Amino acid sequence: MALPSNRRAPRAPRAPAGVAARLKPSSPPSTLQPLKPLAFVIFQLVVIGWALVAHVRRDPSTAYRLLWVGAYGGVIGLDVWYLSGYAYPAGFSF
């Protein structure tokens, strides 16, 4: 059933103002939350760096080395973009 254009749909009942103030989180806030994106990026760079070194040691060709270094540089660029744009848009501080 459609409502006439001059009538609004009824709103859902609202909780009393004091209820939200009385609710407490079930656990204290994590102090590691701000470090999760940084830990993820560091882990990613370590794993990819290990793969880079392992592959470059086996294949000494210059083109292969340049491709790996370019790929690693691209990952670093994307990580900087992620950290500055999404994870820590206001900057990072301890």
N, C-alpha and C. Protein backbone atom coordinates (compact mmCIF):
# COMPACT_ATOMS: atom_id res chain seq x y z
N MET A 1 0.85 -1.17 0.00
CA MET A 1 0.00 0.00 0.00
C MET A 1 0.90 1.23 0.00
N ALA A 2 0.69 2.13 -0.90
CA ALA A 2 1.49 3.33 -1.01
C ALA A 2 0.92 4.43 -0.13
N LEU A 3 1.81 5.19 0.48
CA LEU A 3 1.38 6.32 1.30
C LEU A 3 1.14 7.53 0.41
N PRO A 4 0.20 8.39 0.78
CA PRO A 4 0.04 9.63 0.02
C PRO A 4 1.34 10.43 0.07
N SER A 5 1.57 11.25 -0.92
CA SER A 5 2.85 11.96 -1.03
C SER A 5 3.07 12.95 0.10
N ASN A 6 2.03 13.37 0.81
CA ASN A 6 2.22 14.34 1.88
C ASN A 6 2.39 13.67 3.25
N ARG A 7 2.42 12.33 3.33
CA ARG A 7 2.57 11.63 4.59
C ARG A 7 3.91 10.90 4.62
N ARG A 8 4.54 10.88 5.75
CA ARG A 8 5.80 10.16 5.93
C ARG A 8 5.53 8.77 6.48
N ALA A 9 6.45 7.88 6.18
CA ALA A 9 6.36 6.53 6.74
C ALA A 9 6.66 6.59 8.23
N PRO A 10 6.04 5.76 9.04
CA PRO A 10 6.32 5.79 10.48
C PRO A 10 7.75 5.38 10.76
N ARG A 11 8.35 5.99 11.76
CA ARG A 11 9.73 5.69 12.15
C ARG A 11 9.77 4.57 13.17
N ALA A 12 10.89 3.89 13.20
CA ALA A 12 11.08 2.86 14.20
C ALA A 12 11.26 3.52 15.57
N PRO A 13 10.81 2.88 16.63
CA PRO A 13 10.97 3.49 17.96
C PRO A 13 12.46 3.63 18.31
N ARG A 14 12.79 4.71 18.98
CA ARG A 14 14.16 4.98 19.37
C ARG A 14 14.39 4.56 20.81
N ALA A 15 15.63 4.17 21.08
CA ALA A 15 15.99 3.81 22.45
C ALA A 15 16.13 5.08 23.28
N PRO A 16 15.84 5.00 24.56
CA PRO A 16 16.03 6.19 25.42
C PRO A 16 17.48 6.67 25.37
N ALA A 17 17.68 7.95 25.61
CA ALA A 17 19.00 8.56 25.47
C ALA A 17 20.04 7.95 26.41
N GLY A 18 19.65 7.53 27.60
CA GLY A 18 20.61 7.01 28.56
C GLY A 18 21.07 5.59 28.28
N VAL A 19 20.37 4.87 27.42
CA VAL A 19 20.72 3.47 27.15
C VAL A 19 22.07 3.37 26.46
N ALA A 20 22.29 4.21 25.47
CA ALA A 20 23.55 4.15 24.74
C ALA A 20 24.73 4.50 25.63
N ALA A 21 24.51 5.42 26.57
CA ALA A 21 25.59 5.81 27.47
C ALA A 21 25.93 4.71 28.47
N ARG A 22 24.96 3.86 28.80
CA ARG A 22 25.20 2.80 29.78
C ARG A 22 25.83 1.56 29.18
N LEU A 23 25.74 1.39 27.87
CA LEU A 23 26.33 0.22 27.24
C LEU A 23 27.84 0.32 27.28
N LYS A 24 28.47 -0.75 27.69
CA LYS A 24 29.93 -0.76 27.76
C LYS A 24 30.44 -1.85 26.85
N PRO A 25 31.61 -1.66 26.24
CA PRO A 25 32.16 -2.72 25.40
C PRO A 25 32.46 -3.95 26.25
N SER A 26 32.36 -5.12 25.61
CA SER A 26 32.60 -6.36 26.33
C SER A 26 34.08 -6.58 26.66
N SER A 27 34.95 -5.89 25.97
CA SER A 27 36.37 -6.02 26.25
C SER A 27 37.03 -4.65 26.08
N PRO A 28 38.16 -4.45 26.74
CA PRO A 28 38.84 -3.16 26.58
C PRO A 28 39.35 -2.99 25.15
N PRO A 29 39.47 -1.76 24.68
CA PRO A 29 39.96 -1.55 23.32
C PRO A 29 41.39 -2.07 23.17
N SER A 30 41.68 -2.63 22.02
CA SER A 30 42.99 -3.20 21.77
C SER A 30 44.01 -2.10 21.52
N THR A 31 45.18 -2.25 22.12
CA THR A 31 46.24 -1.28 21.86
C THR A 31 47.00 -1.63 20.59
N LEU A 32 46.78 -2.86 20.06
CA LEU A 32 47.47 -3.27 18.84
C LEU A 32 46.70 -2.90 17.58
N GLN A 33 45.47 -2.43 17.71
CA GLN A 33 44.65 -2.12 16.55
C GLN A 33 45.36 -1.18 15.55
N PRO A 34 46.00 -0.09 16.00
CA PRO A 34 46.68 0.78 15.03
C PRO A 34 47.88 0.14 14.36
N LEU A 35 48.44 -0.91 14.94
CA LEU A 35 49.64 -1.53 14.38
C LEU A 35 49.33 -2.64 13.39
N LYS A 36 48.07 -3.08 13.29
CA LYS A 36 47.74 -4.19 12.41
C LYS A 36 48.08 -3.91 10.94
N PRO A 37 47.70 -2.77 10.37
CA PRO A 37 48.06 -2.53 8.97
C PRO A 37 49.57 -2.48 8.76
N LEU A 38 50.27 -1.89 9.70
CA LEU A 38 51.72 -1.81 9.59
C LEU A 38 52.35 -3.19 9.68
N ALA A 39 51.86 -4.02 10.57
CA ALA A 39 52.37 -5.39 10.70
C ALA A 39 52.10 -6.19 9.43
N PHE A 40 50.92 -5.99 8.84
CA PHE A 40 50.58 -6.69 7.60
C PHE A 40 51.55 -6.30 6.48
N VAL A 41 51.83 -5.02 6.34
CA VAL A 41 52.72 -4.55 5.27
C VAL A 41 54.14 -5.05 5.51
N ILE A 42 54.60 -5.01 6.74
CA ILE A 42 55.96 -5.50 7.04
C ILE A 42 56.07 -6.99 6.73
N PHE A 43 55.07 -7.77 7.15
CA PHE A 43 55.08 -9.21 6.86
C PHE A 43 55.08 -9.46 5.36
N GLN A 44 54.27 -8.70 4.64
CA GLN A 44 54.19 -8.86 3.19
C GLN A 44 55.54 -8.56 2.53
N LEU A 45 56.18 -7.49 2.94
CA LEU A 45 57.47 -7.13 2.35
C LEU A 45 58.55 -8.15 2.69
N VAL A 46 58.51 -8.71 3.89
CA VAL A 46 59.50 -9.73 4.28
C VAL A 46 59.32 -10.99 3.42
N VAL A 47 58.08 -11.43 3.26
CA VAL A 47 57.83 -12.65 2.48
C VAL A 47 58.20 -12.44 1.02
N ILE A 48 57.79 -11.32 0.45
CA ILE A 48 58.11 -11.06 -0.96
C ILE A 48 59.61 -10.83 -1.14
N GLY A 49 60.24 -10.20 -0.16
CA GLY A 49 61.69 -10.01 -0.22
C GLY A 49 62.44 -11.33 -0.17
N TRP A 50 61.96 -12.23 0.67
CA TRP A 50 62.57 -13.57 0.74
C TRP A 50 62.42 -14.28 -0.60
N ALA A 51 61.23 -14.20 -1.21
CA ALA A 51 61.01 -14.82 -2.53
C ALA A 51 61.91 -14.18 -3.57
N LEU A 52 62.05 -12.87 -3.51
CA LEU A 52 62.92 -12.15 -4.47
C LEU A 52 64.36 -12.67 -4.37
N VAL A 53 64.89 -12.72 -3.16
CA VAL A 53 66.28 -13.15 -2.98
C VAL A 53 66.45 -14.61 -3.39
N ALA A 54 65.49 -15.45 -3.03
CA ALA A 54 65.59 -16.88 -3.37
C ALA A 54 65.57 -17.09 -4.88
N HIS A 55 64.75 -16.35 -5.59
CA HIS A 55 64.66 -16.52 -7.04
C HIS A 55 65.84 -15.88 -7.77
N VAL A 56 66.26 -14.72 -7.32
CA VAL A 56 67.36 -14.03 -8.00
C VAL A 56 68.66 -14.79 -7.82
N ARG A 57 68.84 -15.47 -6.70
CA ARG A 57 70.06 -16.25 -6.50
C ARG A 57 70.14 -17.43 -7.45
N ARG A 58 68.97 -18.00 -7.81
CA ARG A 58 68.97 -19.16 -8.70
C ARG A 58 69.13 -18.79 -10.16
N ASP A 59 68.58 -17.63 -10.56
CA ASP A 59 68.63 -17.24 -11.97
C ASP A 59 69.39 -15.92 -12.09
N PRO A 60 70.60 -15.96 -12.58
CA PRO A 60 71.42 -14.75 -12.61
C PRO A 60 71.13 -13.79 -13.78
N SER A 61 70.12 -14.08 -14.60
CA SER A 61 69.90 -13.21 -15.76
C SER A 61 69.46 -11.81 -15.33
N THR A 62 69.98 -10.81 -16.03
CA THR A 62 69.72 -9.42 -15.69
C THR A 62 68.25 -9.06 -15.86
N ALA A 63 67.63 -9.55 -16.92
CA ALA A 63 66.22 -9.23 -17.15
C ALA A 63 65.34 -9.76 -16.02
N TYR A 64 65.62 -10.97 -15.58
CA TYR A 64 64.85 -11.58 -14.50
C TYR A 64 65.02 -10.79 -13.21
N ARG A 65 66.22 -10.38 -12.92
CA ARG A 65 66.48 -9.56 -11.73
C ARG A 65 65.75 -8.24 -11.80
N LEU A 66 65.78 -7.59 -12.95
CA LEU A 66 65.09 -6.32 -13.10
C LEU A 66 63.58 -6.47 -12.96
N LEU A 67 63.04 -7.56 -13.48
CA LEU A 67 61.61 -7.80 -13.31
C LEU A 67 61.24 -7.98 -11.83
N TRP A 68 62.05 -8.71 -11.09
CA TRP A 68 61.78 -8.90 -9.68
C TRP A 68 61.91 -7.59 -8.91
N VAL A 69 62.93 -6.83 -9.19
CA VAL A 69 63.12 -5.55 -8.49
C VAL A 69 61.97 -4.60 -8.84
N GLY A 70 61.53 -4.60 -10.10
CA GLY A 70 60.39 -3.77 -10.49
C GLY A 70 59.11 -4.20 -9.79
N ALA A 71 58.88 -5.50 -9.68
CA ALA A 71 57.70 -6.00 -8.99
C ALA A 71 57.75 -5.64 -7.51
N TYR A 72 58.92 -5.77 -6.91
CA TYR A 72 59.07 -5.42 -5.49
C TYR A 72 58.84 -3.92 -5.29
N GLY A 73 59.37 -3.12 -6.20
CA GLY A 73 59.14 -1.68 -6.13
C GLY A 73 57.67 -1.33 -6.27
N GLY A 74 56.96 -2.05 -7.14
CA GLY A 74 55.53 -1.83 -7.28
C GLY A 74 54.76 -2.17 -6.02
N VAL A 75 55.16 -3.25 -5.36
CA VAL A 75 54.51 -3.63 -4.10
C VAL A 75 54.77 -2.57 -3.04
N ILE A 76 55.99 -2.06 -2.98
CA ILE A 76 56.30 -1.00 -2.02
C ILE A 76 55.46 0.24 -2.32
N GLY A 77 55.32 0.59 -3.59
CA GLY A 77 54.49 1.73 -3.97
C GLY A 77 53.04 1.55 -3.56
N LEU A 78 52.50 0.36 -3.79
CA LEU A 78 51.11 0.10 -3.38
C LEU A 78 50.97 0.11 -1.86
N ASP A 79 51.98 -0.37 -1.15
CA ASP A 79 51.92 -0.35 0.31
C ASP A 79 51.94 1.08 0.84
N VAL A 80 52.77 1.92 0.26
CA VAL A 80 52.80 3.33 0.68
C VAL A 80 51.45 3.98 0.40
N TRP A 81 50.88 3.70 -0.77
CA TRP A 81 49.56 4.24 -1.11
C TRP A 81 48.50 3.75 -0.11
N TYR A 82 48.54 2.47 0.25
CA TYR A 82 47.58 1.91 1.20
C TYR A 82 47.75 2.54 2.58
N LEU A 83 48.98 2.61 3.06
CA LEU A 83 49.21 3.15 4.39
C LEU A 83 48.84 4.62 4.49
N SER A 84 49.19 5.41 3.48
CA SER A 84 48.92 6.84 3.56
C SER A 84 47.47 7.19 3.24
N GLY A 85 46.81 6.38 2.41
CA GLY A 85 45.45 6.73 2.01
C GLY A 85 44.36 6.07 2.81
N TYR A 86 44.61 4.86 3.31
CA TYR A 86 43.55 4.12 3.98
C TYR A 86 43.86 3.78 5.43
N ALA A 87 45.02 3.22 5.69
CA ALA A 87 45.32 2.75 7.04
C ALA A 87 45.59 3.91 8.00
N TYR A 88 46.37 4.88 7.57
CA TYR A 88 46.72 6.02 8.42
C TYR A 88 46.54 7.33 7.65
N PRO A 89 45.31 7.70 7.29
CA PRO A 89 45.13 8.91 6.48
C PRO A 89 45.53 10.19 7.22
N ALA A 90 45.51 10.18 8.54
CA ALA A 90 45.88 11.37 9.31
C ALA A 90 47.35 11.32 9.75
N GLY A 91 48.08 10.31 9.32
CA GLY A 91 49.46 10.16 9.74
C GLY A 91 49.58 9.11 10.83
N PHE A 92 50.77 8.67 11.09
CA PHE A 92 51.01 7.63 12.09
C PHE A 92 51.86 8.19 13.22
N SER A 93 51.46 7.90 14.44
CA SER A 93 52.27 8.29 15.59
C SER A 93 52.08 7.26 16.69
N PHE A 94 53.11 7.05 17.47
CA PHE A 94 53.04 6.08 18.57
C PHE A 94 52.36 6.70 19.76
